[in-house]
Amino acid sequence: KMHASGNGMTDSMVINTMGHAALVDGLIANGKIRSGSRVVWVGSEVSRDVYSFSGLLPQYCGKFGEKDIDWAISKNYDGCQQCCGCPIQVQMGDYKNAKIIGHMHFVHLAKENPDTHFMTVSPGAIGGTFAYTAAFPVKQLMACMPCFFRVICVTHACSPAVSTQIGSKRITDVLTGDPKWASGSMP
């Protein structure tokens, strides 16, 4: 649904992308991110096309690009690319669009700021994420069939607790370890 503030963006876009992008853009504009710094944005595996084959996500066939930014920010995904636009597809479509646009933004920042290392990392569906706060049926599926999300590679383990540990380690490694991947990438 559209964000309650009436800003012309979907809830998912506001919650998952715009605040993060505005914060980092403001820090850069005010000289608060020094040369050699590392900026890590929490992305999502759902932004990769391979996860679209689960049937729960839009399939853009690698063709989501600059031409798609305006509609993805301002319109809810309507499910027209797959079966019927059922609620889970709409919800996951909005989430995927927000994460794709966020990743595109941080790749752009990496190109414009070569002295700063930008990374996108996906912890997977861990505690406090859509798996626990989502609308029907995602929340119910996670509660009664957590292995379903492991099978489609959204979580790292069948147990939500183990998945949280693995996802937390992924983020910690990117934040504190030596940069192993190119700036702007999502390992």
N, C-alpha and C. Protein backbone atom coordinates (compact mmCIF):
# COMPACT_ATOMS: atom_id res chain seq x y z
N LYS A 1 0.83 -1.18 0.00
CA LYS A 1 0.00 0.00 0.00
C LYS A 1 0.87 1.24 0.00
N MET A 2 0.29 2.35 -0.33
CA MET A 2 1.04 3.59 -0.35
C MET A 2 1.34 4.04 1.08
N HIS A 3 2.48 4.66 1.26
CA HIS A 3 2.90 5.10 2.58
C HIS A 3 1.92 6.13 3.15
N ALA A 4 1.63 6.02 4.42
CA ALA A 4 0.63 6.87 5.06
C ALA A 4 0.99 8.36 5.02
N SER A 5 2.26 8.68 4.86
CA SER A 5 2.65 10.08 4.85
C SER A 5 2.22 10.79 3.58
N GLY A 6 1.80 10.04 2.57
CA GLY A 6 1.38 10.64 1.31
C GLY A 6 2.55 11.13 0.47
N ASN A 7 3.71 10.53 0.66
CA ASN A 7 4.90 10.98 -0.04
C ASN A 7 5.04 10.40 -1.45
N GLY A 8 4.06 9.61 -1.89
CA GLY A 8 4.10 9.06 -3.23
C GLY A 8 4.95 7.80 -3.37
N MET A 9 5.34 7.21 -2.25
CA MET A 9 6.14 5.99 -2.27
C MET A 9 5.40 4.88 -1.56
N THR A 10 5.73 3.65 -1.93
CA THR A 10 5.12 2.51 -1.24
C THR A 10 5.72 2.38 0.16
N ASP A 11 4.99 1.73 1.06
CA ASP A 11 5.50 1.46 2.41
C ASP A 11 6.84 0.74 2.34
N SER A 12 6.90 -0.27 1.50
CA SER A 12 8.11 -1.07 1.41
C SER A 12 9.30 -0.23 0.98
N MET A 13 9.09 0.69 0.06
CA MET A 13 10.18 1.55 -0.40
C MET A 13 10.65 2.46 0.72
N VAL A 14 9.73 3.05 1.45
CA VAL A 14 10.09 3.95 2.55
C VAL A 14 10.82 3.19 3.64
N ILE A 15 10.28 2.05 4.05
CA ILE A 15 10.84 1.27 5.15
C ILE A 15 12.19 0.65 4.80
N ASN A 16 12.32 0.12 3.60
CA ASN A 16 13.50 -0.68 3.25
C ASN A 16 14.60 0.06 2.51
N THR A 17 14.32 1.25 1.98
CA THR A 17 15.33 1.88 1.13
C THR A 17 15.52 3.36 1.36
N MET A 18 14.49 4.15 1.29
CA MET A 18 14.64 5.60 1.22
C MET A 18 15.32 6.22 2.43
N GLY A 19 14.99 5.77 3.62
CA GLY A 19 15.64 6.33 4.80
C GLY A 19 17.14 6.06 4.81
N HIS A 20 17.51 4.86 4.42
CA HIS A 20 18.92 4.47 4.38
C HIS A 20 19.68 5.31 3.36
N ALA A 21 19.07 5.44 2.17
CA ALA A 21 19.70 6.20 1.10
C ALA A 21 19.83 7.68 1.49
N ALA A 22 18.78 8.26 2.08
CA ALA A 22 18.83 9.67 2.48
C ALA A 22 19.89 9.90 3.55
N LEU A 23 20.00 8.97 4.50
CA LEU A 23 21.01 9.11 5.55
C LEU A 23 22.41 9.11 4.96
N VAL A 24 22.72 8.12 4.14
CA VAL A 24 24.07 8.02 3.56
C VAL A 24 24.34 9.21 2.64
N ASP A 25 23.37 9.59 1.82
CA ASP A 25 23.56 10.75 0.94
C ASP A 25 23.86 12.01 1.76
N GLY A 26 23.13 12.19 2.86
CA GLY A 26 23.36 13.35 3.73
C GLY A 26 24.73 13.32 4.38
N LEU A 27 25.15 12.14 4.83
CA LEU A 27 26.48 12.02 5.45
C LEU A 27 27.58 12.33 4.44
N ILE A 28 27.42 11.86 3.21
CA ILE A 28 28.41 12.15 2.16
C ILE A 28 28.42 13.65 1.87
N ALA A 29 27.24 14.25 1.69
CA ALA A 29 27.14 15.67 1.35
C ALA A 29 27.77 16.56 2.43
N ASN A 30 27.72 16.11 3.68
CA ASN A 30 28.26 16.89 4.79
C ASN A 30 29.67 16.47 5.20
N GLY A 31 30.31 15.64 4.37
CA GLY A 31 31.70 15.25 4.63
C GLY A 31 31.88 14.37 5.84
N LYS A 32 30.85 13.65 6.24
CA LYS A 32 30.92 12.81 7.45
C LYS A 32 31.43 11.40 7.17
N ILE A 33 31.53 11.03 5.91
CA ILE A 33 32.09 9.72 5.55
C ILE A 33 33.46 9.99 4.95
N ARG A 34 34.49 9.59 5.70
CA ARG A 34 35.87 9.88 5.30
C ARG A 34 36.36 8.89 4.25
N SER A 35 37.37 9.29 3.53
CA SER A 35 38.04 8.43 2.56
C SER A 35 38.50 7.15 3.27
N GLY A 36 38.29 6.03 2.65
CA GLY A 36 38.67 4.74 3.25
C GLY A 36 37.59 4.12 4.11
N SER A 37 36.47 4.82 4.30
CA SER A 37 35.37 4.30 5.12
C SER A 37 34.66 3.17 4.39
N ARG A 38 33.88 2.45 5.14
CA ARG A 38 33.07 1.36 4.60
C ARG A 38 31.61 1.65 4.90
N VAL A 39 30.77 1.55 3.87
CA VAL A 39 29.33 1.74 4.03
C VAL A 39 28.68 0.41 3.66
N VAL A 40 27.90 -0.13 4.58
CA VAL A 40 27.23 -1.42 4.35
C VAL A 40 25.73 -1.20 4.38
N TRP A 41 25.09 -1.58 3.29
CA TRP A 41 23.63 -1.50 3.20
C TRP A 41 23.08 -2.92 3.26
N VAL A 42 22.03 -3.11 4.04
CA VAL A 42 21.42 -4.43 4.18
C VAL A 42 20.45 -4.64 3.01
N GLY A 43 20.88 -5.46 2.08
CA GLY A 43 20.08 -5.79 0.92
C GLY A 43 19.29 -7.06 1.16
N SER A 44 18.97 -7.75 0.09
CA SER A 44 18.21 -8.99 0.21
C SER A 44 18.50 -9.90 -0.96
N GLU A 45 18.52 -11.19 -0.66
CA GLU A 45 18.68 -12.18 -1.73
C GLU A 45 17.55 -12.11 -2.74
N VAL A 46 16.39 -11.61 -2.33
CA VAL A 46 15.25 -11.57 -3.25
C VAL A 46 15.49 -10.63 -4.42
N SER A 47 16.51 -9.77 -4.32
CA SER A 47 16.80 -8.89 -5.45
C SER A 47 17.48 -9.63 -6.59
N ARG A 48 17.91 -10.84 -6.35
CA ARG A 48 18.54 -11.66 -7.41
C ARG A 48 17.45 -12.39 -8.19
N ASP A 49 17.58 -12.43 -9.48
CA ASP A 49 16.56 -13.07 -10.32
C ASP A 49 16.35 -14.55 -10.01
N VAL A 50 17.38 -15.25 -9.57
CA VAL A 50 17.24 -16.68 -9.35
C VAL A 50 16.13 -16.99 -8.35
N TYR A 51 15.89 -16.10 -7.38
CA TYR A 51 14.86 -16.35 -6.39
C TYR A 51 13.45 -16.15 -6.94
N SER A 52 13.36 -15.55 -8.11
CA SER A 52 12.06 -15.34 -8.73
C SER A 52 11.43 -16.64 -9.20
N PHE A 53 12.23 -17.67 -9.36
CA PHE A 53 11.69 -18.94 -9.82
C PHE A 53 10.87 -19.65 -8.75
N SER A 54 10.87 -19.10 -7.52
CA SER A 54 10.04 -19.69 -6.46
C SER A 54 8.56 -19.47 -6.73
N GLY A 55 8.23 -18.53 -7.62
CA GLY A 55 6.84 -18.21 -7.91
C GLY A 55 6.27 -17.15 -6.98
N LEU A 56 7.05 -16.74 -5.99
CA LEU A 56 6.58 -15.75 -5.02
C LEU A 56 7.02 -14.34 -5.38
N LEU A 57 7.94 -14.22 -6.31
CA LEU A 57 8.53 -12.93 -6.62
C LEU A 57 8.37 -12.59 -8.09
N PRO A 58 8.42 -11.30 -8.42
CA PRO A 58 8.40 -10.92 -9.83
C PRO A 58 9.64 -11.46 -10.55
N GLN A 59 9.49 -11.80 -11.79
CA GLN A 59 10.61 -12.27 -12.61
C GLN A 59 10.88 -11.21 -13.66
N TYR A 60 11.98 -10.49 -13.50
CA TYR A 60 12.33 -9.42 -14.44
C TYR A 60 13.32 -9.89 -15.50
N CYS A 61 13.79 -11.12 -15.39
CA CYS A 61 14.72 -11.70 -16.37
C CYS A 61 15.93 -10.80 -16.59
N GLY A 62 16.43 -10.20 -15.52
CA GLY A 62 17.62 -9.37 -15.62
C GLY A 62 17.41 -8.04 -16.32
N LYS A 63 16.17 -7.66 -16.55
CA LYS A 63 15.90 -6.44 -17.31
C LYS A 63 15.36 -5.29 -16.47
N PHE A 64 15.43 -5.39 -15.16
CA PHE A 64 15.03 -4.27 -14.30
C PHE A 64 16.13 -3.23 -14.40
N GLY A 65 15.78 -2.01 -14.78
CA GLY A 65 16.81 -0.99 -14.96
C GLY A 65 16.31 0.39 -14.63
N GLU A 66 17.04 1.38 -15.09
CA GLU A 66 16.73 2.77 -14.78
C GLU A 66 15.31 3.16 -15.18
N LYS A 67 14.82 2.59 -16.27
CA LYS A 67 13.46 2.89 -16.75
C LYS A 67 12.39 2.43 -15.77
N ASP A 68 12.72 1.52 -14.86
CA ASP A 68 11.75 0.95 -13.93
C ASP A 68 11.73 1.64 -12.57
N ILE A 69 12.65 2.55 -12.33
CA ILE A 69 12.79 3.13 -10.99
C ILE A 69 11.53 3.89 -10.56
N ASP A 70 11.03 4.77 -11.40
CA ASP A 70 9.88 5.60 -10.99
C ASP A 70 8.66 4.77 -10.63
N TRP A 71 8.28 3.82 -11.48
CA TRP A 71 7.08 3.04 -11.15
C TRP A 71 7.30 2.15 -9.94
N ALA A 72 8.52 1.61 -9.77
CA ALA A 72 8.78 0.72 -8.64
C ALA A 72 8.75 1.47 -7.30
N ILE A 73 9.09 2.74 -7.33
CA ILE A 73 9.03 3.55 -6.11
C ILE A 73 7.60 3.98 -5.80
N SER A 74 6.85 4.33 -6.83
CA SER A 74 5.57 4.98 -6.61
C SER A 74 4.33 4.10 -6.76
N LYS A 75 4.50 2.86 -7.22
CA LYS A 75 3.33 2.00 -7.41
C LYS A 75 3.57 0.65 -6.75
N ASN A 76 2.52 0.12 -6.16
CA ASN A 76 2.60 -1.22 -5.61
C ASN A 76 2.69 -2.23 -6.75
N TYR A 77 3.49 -3.25 -6.54
CA TYR A 77 3.58 -4.32 -7.53
C TYR A 77 2.22 -4.98 -7.63
N ASP A 78 1.73 -5.19 -8.85
CA ASP A 78 0.37 -5.70 -9.01
C ASP A 78 0.28 -7.18 -9.37
N GLY A 79 1.41 -7.85 -9.46
CA GLY A 79 1.39 -9.28 -9.72
C GLY A 79 1.12 -9.66 -11.15
N CYS A 80 1.10 -8.69 -12.05
CA CYS A 80 0.70 -9.00 -13.42
C CYS A 80 1.70 -9.87 -14.16
N GLN A 81 2.91 -10.02 -13.66
CA GLN A 81 3.89 -10.83 -14.37
C GLN A 81 3.77 -12.31 -14.04
N GLN A 82 3.04 -12.64 -13.02
CA GLN A 82 2.87 -14.03 -12.65
C GLN A 82 1.41 -14.29 -12.39
N CYS A 83 1.10 -15.47 -11.98
CA CYS A 83 -0.26 -16.00 -11.96
C CYS A 83 -1.38 -15.00 -11.70
N CYS A 84 -1.57 -14.55 -10.48
CA CYS A 84 -2.79 -13.80 -10.21
C CYS A 84 -2.59 -12.55 -9.36
N GLY A 85 -1.40 -12.27 -8.93
CA GLY A 85 -1.21 -11.13 -8.05
C GLY A 85 -1.74 -11.38 -6.66
N CYS A 86 -1.60 -12.61 -6.17
CA CYS A 86 -2.08 -12.91 -4.83
C CYS A 86 -1.30 -12.09 -3.80
N PRO A 87 -1.82 -11.92 -2.59
CA PRO A 87 -1.21 -11.01 -1.61
C PRO A 87 0.28 -11.26 -1.37
N ILE A 88 0.72 -12.51 -1.31
CA ILE A 88 2.14 -12.75 -1.05
C ILE A 88 3.00 -12.26 -2.21
N GLN A 89 2.51 -12.39 -3.45
CA GLN A 89 3.28 -11.90 -4.59
C GLN A 89 3.36 -10.38 -4.58
N VAL A 90 2.28 -9.73 -4.24
CA VAL A 90 2.28 -8.27 -4.18
C VAL A 90 3.24 -7.80 -3.10
N GLN A 91 3.15 -8.39 -1.91
CA GLN A 91 4.01 -8.01 -0.80
C GLN A 91 5.48 -8.27 -1.14
N MET A 92 5.78 -9.43 -1.67
CA MET A 92 7.16 -9.77 -2.00
C MET A 92 7.65 -8.95 -3.19
N GLY A 93 6.74 -8.62 -4.12
CA GLY A 93 7.12 -7.79 -5.26
C GLY A 93 7.54 -6.40 -4.81
N ASP A 94 6.77 -5.80 -3.91
CA ASP A 94 7.13 -4.48 -3.38
C ASP A 94 8.47 -4.53 -2.65
N TYR A 95 8.67 -5.59 -1.85
CA TYR A 95 9.92 -5.75 -1.11
C TYR A 95 11.10 -5.91 -2.08
N LYS A 96 10.93 -6.76 -3.09
CA LYS A 96 11.99 -6.98 -4.07
C LYS A 96 12.33 -5.67 -4.78
N ASN A 97 11.32 -4.92 -5.20
CA ASN A 97 11.57 -3.66 -5.89
C ASN A 97 12.35 -2.69 -5.00
N ALA A 98 11.99 -2.61 -3.72
CA ALA A 98 12.70 -1.72 -2.80
C ALA A 98 14.16 -2.13 -2.67
N LYS A 99 14.42 -3.41 -2.57
CA LYS A 99 15.80 -3.88 -2.41
C LYS A 99 16.61 -3.72 -3.69
N ILE A 100 16.00 -3.91 -4.85
CA ILE A 100 16.71 -3.69 -6.11
C ILE A 100 17.11 -2.22 -6.23
N ILE A 101 16.17 -1.33 -5.97
CA ILE A 101 16.46 0.10 -6.10
C ILE A 101 17.51 0.54 -5.10
N GLY A 102 17.44 0.02 -3.89
CA GLY A 102 18.48 0.33 -2.91
C GLY A 102 19.84 -0.12 -3.37
N HIS A 103 19.92 -1.34 -3.90
CA HIS A 103 21.21 -1.85 -4.40
C HIS A 103 21.70 -0.99 -5.55
N MET A 104 20.82 -0.61 -6.46
CA MET A 104 21.21 0.26 -7.58
C MET A 104 21.76 1.59 -7.06
N HIS A 105 21.13 2.14 -6.03
CA HIS A 105 21.57 3.41 -5.47
C HIS A 105 22.98 3.29 -4.90
N PHE A 106 23.23 2.22 -4.14
CA PHE A 106 24.54 2.07 -3.51
C PHE A 106 25.63 1.69 -4.51
N VAL A 107 25.27 1.02 -5.59
CA VAL A 107 26.24 0.79 -6.67
C VAL A 107 26.62 2.13 -7.30
N HIS A 108 25.62 2.98 -7.51
CA HIS A 108 25.87 4.32 -8.05
C HIS A 108 26.80 5.11 -7.12
N LEU A 109 26.53 5.06 -5.82
CA LEU A 109 27.39 5.76 -4.86
C LEU A 109 28.82 5.23 -4.91
N ALA A 110 28.97 3.92 -5.09
CA ALA A 110 30.32 3.32 -5.18
C ALA A 110 31.07 3.89 -6.38
N LYS A 111 30.38 4.08 -7.48
CA LYS A 111 31.02 4.64 -8.68
C LYS A 111 31.38 6.11 -8.48
N GLU A 112 30.52 6.87 -7.80
CA GLU A 112 30.76 8.29 -7.59
C GLU A 112 31.77 8.57 -6.48
N ASN A 113 31.98 7.61 -5.58
CA ASN A 113 32.85 7.80 -4.42
C ASN A 113 33.86 6.65 -4.35
N PRO A 114 34.83 6.63 -5.25
CA PRO A 114 35.75 5.48 -5.32
C PRO A 114 36.64 5.30 -4.09
N ASP A 115 36.75 6.32 -3.24
CA ASP A 115 37.58 6.20 -2.04
C ASP A 115 36.83 5.63 -0.84
N THR A 116 35.54 5.32 -1.03
CA THR A 116 34.72 4.71 0.01
C THR A 116 34.31 3.33 -0.48
N HIS A 117 34.33 2.36 0.42
CA HIS A 117 33.97 0.99 0.04
C HIS A 117 32.50 0.74 0.40
N PHE A 118 31.67 0.58 -0.62
CA PHE A 118 30.24 0.32 -0.44
C PHE A 118 29.96 -1.16 -0.64
N MET A 119 29.22 -1.74 0.28
CA MET A 119 28.85 -3.15 0.19
C MET A 119 27.36 -3.30 0.45
N THR A 120 26.75 -4.24 -0.24
CA THR A 120 25.39 -4.65 0.06
C THR A 120 25.50 -6.07 0.57
N VAL A 121 24.90 -6.35 1.70
CA VAL A 121 24.93 -7.70 2.25
C VAL A 121 23.52 -8.12 2.61
N SER A 122 23.23 -9.38 2.37
CA SER A 122 21.94 -9.94 2.74
C SER A 122 22.12 -10.92 3.88
N PRO A 123 21.50 -10.64 5.02
CA PRO A 123 21.60 -11.59 6.11
C PRO A 123 20.66 -12.78 5.94
N GLY A 124 19.75 -12.72 4.98
CA GLY A 124 18.72 -13.74 4.86
C GLY A 124 17.58 -13.38 5.80
N ALA A 125 16.51 -14.11 5.74
CA ALA A 125 15.34 -13.82 6.59
C ALA A 125 15.68 -14.19 8.02
N ILE A 126 15.94 -13.17 8.83
CA ILE A 126 16.31 -13.41 10.23
C ILE A 126 15.30 -12.73 11.13
N GLY A 127 15.40 -12.94 12.42
CA GLY A 127 14.45 -12.39 13.37
C GLY A 127 14.21 -10.91 13.20
N GLY A 128 12.97 -10.51 13.28
CA GLY A 128 12.61 -9.11 13.13
C GLY A 128 12.38 -8.69 11.69
N THR A 129 12.57 -9.61 10.75
CA THR A 129 12.41 -9.26 9.34
C THR A 129 11.02 -9.66 8.87
N PHE A 130 10.81 -9.59 7.57
CA PHE A 130 9.49 -9.87 6.99
C PHE A 130 8.94 -11.22 7.43
N ALA A 131 9.81 -12.17 7.70
CA ALA A 131 9.35 -13.50 8.06
C ALA A 131 8.52 -13.49 9.35
N TYR A 132 8.76 -12.51 10.19
CA TYR A 132 8.04 -12.44 11.45
C TYR A 132 6.99 -11.34 11.48
N THR A 133 7.14 -10.35 10.63
CA THR A 133 6.24 -9.20 10.68
C THR A 133 5.35 -9.09 9.45
N ALA A 134 5.49 -10.00 8.53
CA ALA A 134 4.77 -9.93 7.26
C ALA A 134 3.28 -10.23 7.44
N ALA A 135 2.54 -9.92 6.41
CA ALA A 135 1.12 -10.23 6.38
C ALA A 135 0.92 -11.68 5.94
N PHE A 136 -0.31 -12.11 6.00
CA PHE A 136 -0.68 -13.45 5.55
C PHE A 136 -0.27 -13.62 4.10
N PRO A 137 0.27 -14.73 3.69
CA PRO A 137 0.55 -15.97 4.41
C PRO A 137 2.00 -16.14 4.83
N VAL A 138 2.88 -15.14 4.55
CA VAL A 138 4.30 -15.32 4.85
C VAL A 138 4.52 -15.60 6.33
N LYS A 139 3.92 -14.81 7.19
CA LYS A 139 4.11 -14.97 8.63
C LYS A 139 3.65 -16.36 9.09
N GLN A 140 2.52 -16.82 8.58
CA GLN A 140 2.01 -18.12 8.96
C GLN A 140 2.89 -19.25 8.42
N LEU A 141 3.38 -19.10 7.19
CA LEU A 141 4.27 -20.12 6.63
C LEU A 141 5.57 -20.22 7.44
N MET A 142 6.11 -19.07 7.83
CA MET A 142 7.35 -19.08 8.61
C MET A 142 7.14 -19.74 9.95
N ALA A 143 5.97 -19.54 10.54
CA ALA A 143 5.68 -20.13 11.85
C ALA A 143 5.51 -21.65 11.78
N CYS A 144 4.83 -22.13 10.73
CA CYS A 144 4.53 -23.57 10.70
C CYS A 144 5.42 -24.36 9.75
N MET A 145 6.07 -23.70 8.80
CA MET A 145 6.93 -24.41 7.83
C MET A 145 8.21 -23.64 7.56
N PRO A 146 9.05 -23.40 8.58
CA PRO A 146 10.26 -22.59 8.34
C PRO A 146 11.19 -23.22 7.31
N CYS A 147 11.16 -24.53 7.15
CA CYS A 147 12.03 -25.18 6.16
C CYS A 147 11.64 -24.82 4.73
N PHE A 148 10.39 -24.39 4.52
CA PHE A 148 9.96 -23.94 3.20
C PHE A 148 10.87 -22.81 2.73
N PHE A 149 11.17 -21.87 3.63
CA PHE A 149 12.01 -20.74 3.27
C PHE A 149 13.46 -21.15 3.07
N ARG A 150 13.89 -22.21 3.75
CA ARG A 150 15.24 -22.74 3.53
C ARG A 150 15.32 -23.38 2.15
N VAL A 151 14.30 -24.12 1.78
CA VAL A 151 14.29 -24.82 0.47
C VAL A 151 14.36 -23.82 -0.68
N ILE A 152 13.71 -22.66 -0.54
CA ILE A 152 13.77 -21.67 -1.62
C ILE A 152 14.90 -20.66 -1.37
N CYS A 153 15.81 -21.00 -0.45
CA CYS A 153 17.04 -20.24 -0.19
C CYS A 153 16.81 -18.82 0.32
N VAL A 154 15.74 -18.60 1.05
CA VAL A 154 15.51 -17.29 1.66
C VAL A 154 16.19 -17.24 3.02
N THR A 155 16.13 -18.33 3.76
CA THR A 155 16.82 -18.41 5.05
C THR A 155 18.02 -19.33 4.92
N HIS A 156 18.89 -19.30 5.92
CA HIS A 156 20.11 -20.10 5.89
C HIS A 156 19.97 -21.44 6.57
N ALA A 157 18.87 -21.65 7.27
CA ALA A 157 18.66 -22.89 8.00
C ALA A 157 17.16 -23.06 8.26
N CYS A 158 16.78 -24.27 8.59
CA CYS A 158 15.36 -24.51 8.91
C CYS A 158 14.97 -23.85 10.22
N SER A 159 15.88 -23.78 11.14
CA SER A 159 15.60 -23.17 12.44
C SER A 159 15.78 -21.66 12.35
N PRO A 160 14.76 -20.88 12.72
CA PRO A 160 14.92 -19.43 12.71
C PRO A 160 16.08 -18.96 13.58
N ALA A 161 16.33 -19.63 14.71
CA ALA A 161 17.43 -19.23 15.59
C ALA A 161 18.79 -19.43 14.91
N VAL A 162 18.96 -20.57 14.25
CA VAL A 162 20.22 -20.85 13.55
C VAL A 162 20.38 -19.90 12.36
N SER A 163 19.29 -19.65 11.66
CA SER A 163 19.32 -18.71 10.54
C SER A 163 19.75 -17.32 11.01
N THR A 164 19.27 -16.91 12.17
CA THR A 164 19.64 -15.61 12.72
C THR A 164 21.13 -15.56 13.02
N GLN A 165 21.67 -16.64 13.59
CA GLN A 165 23.10 -16.69 13.89
C GLN A 165 23.93 -16.59 12.61
N ILE A 166 23.55 -17.32 11.58
CA ILE A 166 24.29 -17.32 10.31
C ILE A 166 24.21 -15.94 9.67
N GLY A 167 23.00 -15.37 9.63
CA GLY A 167 22.83 -14.05 9.03
C GLY A 167 23.59 -12.97 9.77
N SER A 168 23.59 -13.05 11.09
CA SER A 168 24.33 -12.08 11.90
C SER A 168 25.83 -12.16 11.64
N LYS A 169 26.32 -13.38 11.48
CA LYS A 169 27.74 -13.56 11.16
C LYS A 169 28.07 -12.95 9.80
N ARG A 170 27.19 -13.13 8.83
CA ARG A 170 27.43 -12.54 7.51
C ARG A 170 27.60 -11.02 7.60
N ILE A 171 26.71 -10.38 8.32
CA ILE A 171 26.80 -8.91 8.46
C ILE A 171 28.06 -8.52 9.22
N THR A 172 28.35 -9.21 10.31
CA THR A 172 29.54 -8.91 11.11
C THR A 172 30.81 -9.07 10.29
N ASP A 173 30.89 -10.12 9.49
CA ASP A 173 32.07 -10.35 8.65
C ASP A 173 32.27 -9.21 7.65
N VAL A 174 31.18 -8.73 7.06
CA VAL A 174 31.29 -7.63 6.09
C VAL A 174 31.66 -6.32 6.79
N LEU A 175 31.13 -6.12 8.00
CA LEU A 175 31.43 -4.89 8.74
C LEU A 175 32.84 -4.84 9.28
N THR A 176 33.36 -5.97 9.74
CA THR A 176 34.62 -5.96 10.46
C THR A 176 35.78 -6.63 9.74
N GLY A 177 35.52 -7.48 8.77
CA GLY A 177 36.60 -8.18 8.09
C GLY A 177 37.21 -7.35 6.97
N ASP A 178 38.28 -7.87 6.39
CA ASP A 178 38.88 -7.20 5.24
C ASP A 178 37.89 -7.24 4.09
N PRO A 179 37.79 -6.14 3.33
CA PRO A 179 36.88 -6.16 2.18
C PRO A 179 37.35 -7.19 1.15
N LYS A 180 36.54 -8.22 0.93
CA LYS A 180 36.89 -9.29 0.01
C LYS A 180 36.28 -9.08 -1.37
N TRP A 181 35.30 -8.22 -1.44
CA TRP A 181 34.56 -8.03 -2.69
C TRP A 181 34.72 -6.59 -3.15
N ALA A 182 34.52 -6.37 -4.44
CA ALA A 182 34.64 -5.04 -5.02
C ALA A 182 33.60 -4.10 -4.44
N SER A 183 33.95 -2.83 -4.36
CA SER A 183 33.01 -1.82 -3.89
C SER A 183 31.80 -1.80 -4.81
N GLY A 184 30.61 -1.74 -4.20
CA GLY A 184 29.37 -1.75 -4.97
C GLY A 184 28.79 -3.13 -5.18
N SER A 185 29.47 -4.16 -4.72
CA SER A 185 29.00 -5.52 -4.97
C SER A 185 28.12 -6.05 -3.84
N MET A 186 27.46 -7.16 -4.13
CA MET A 186 26.67 -7.87 -3.13
C MET A 186 27.10 -9.34 -3.20
N PRO A 187 27.93 -9.74 -2.23
CA PRO A 187 28.40 -11.15 -2.26
C PRO A 187 27.29 -12.14 -2.05
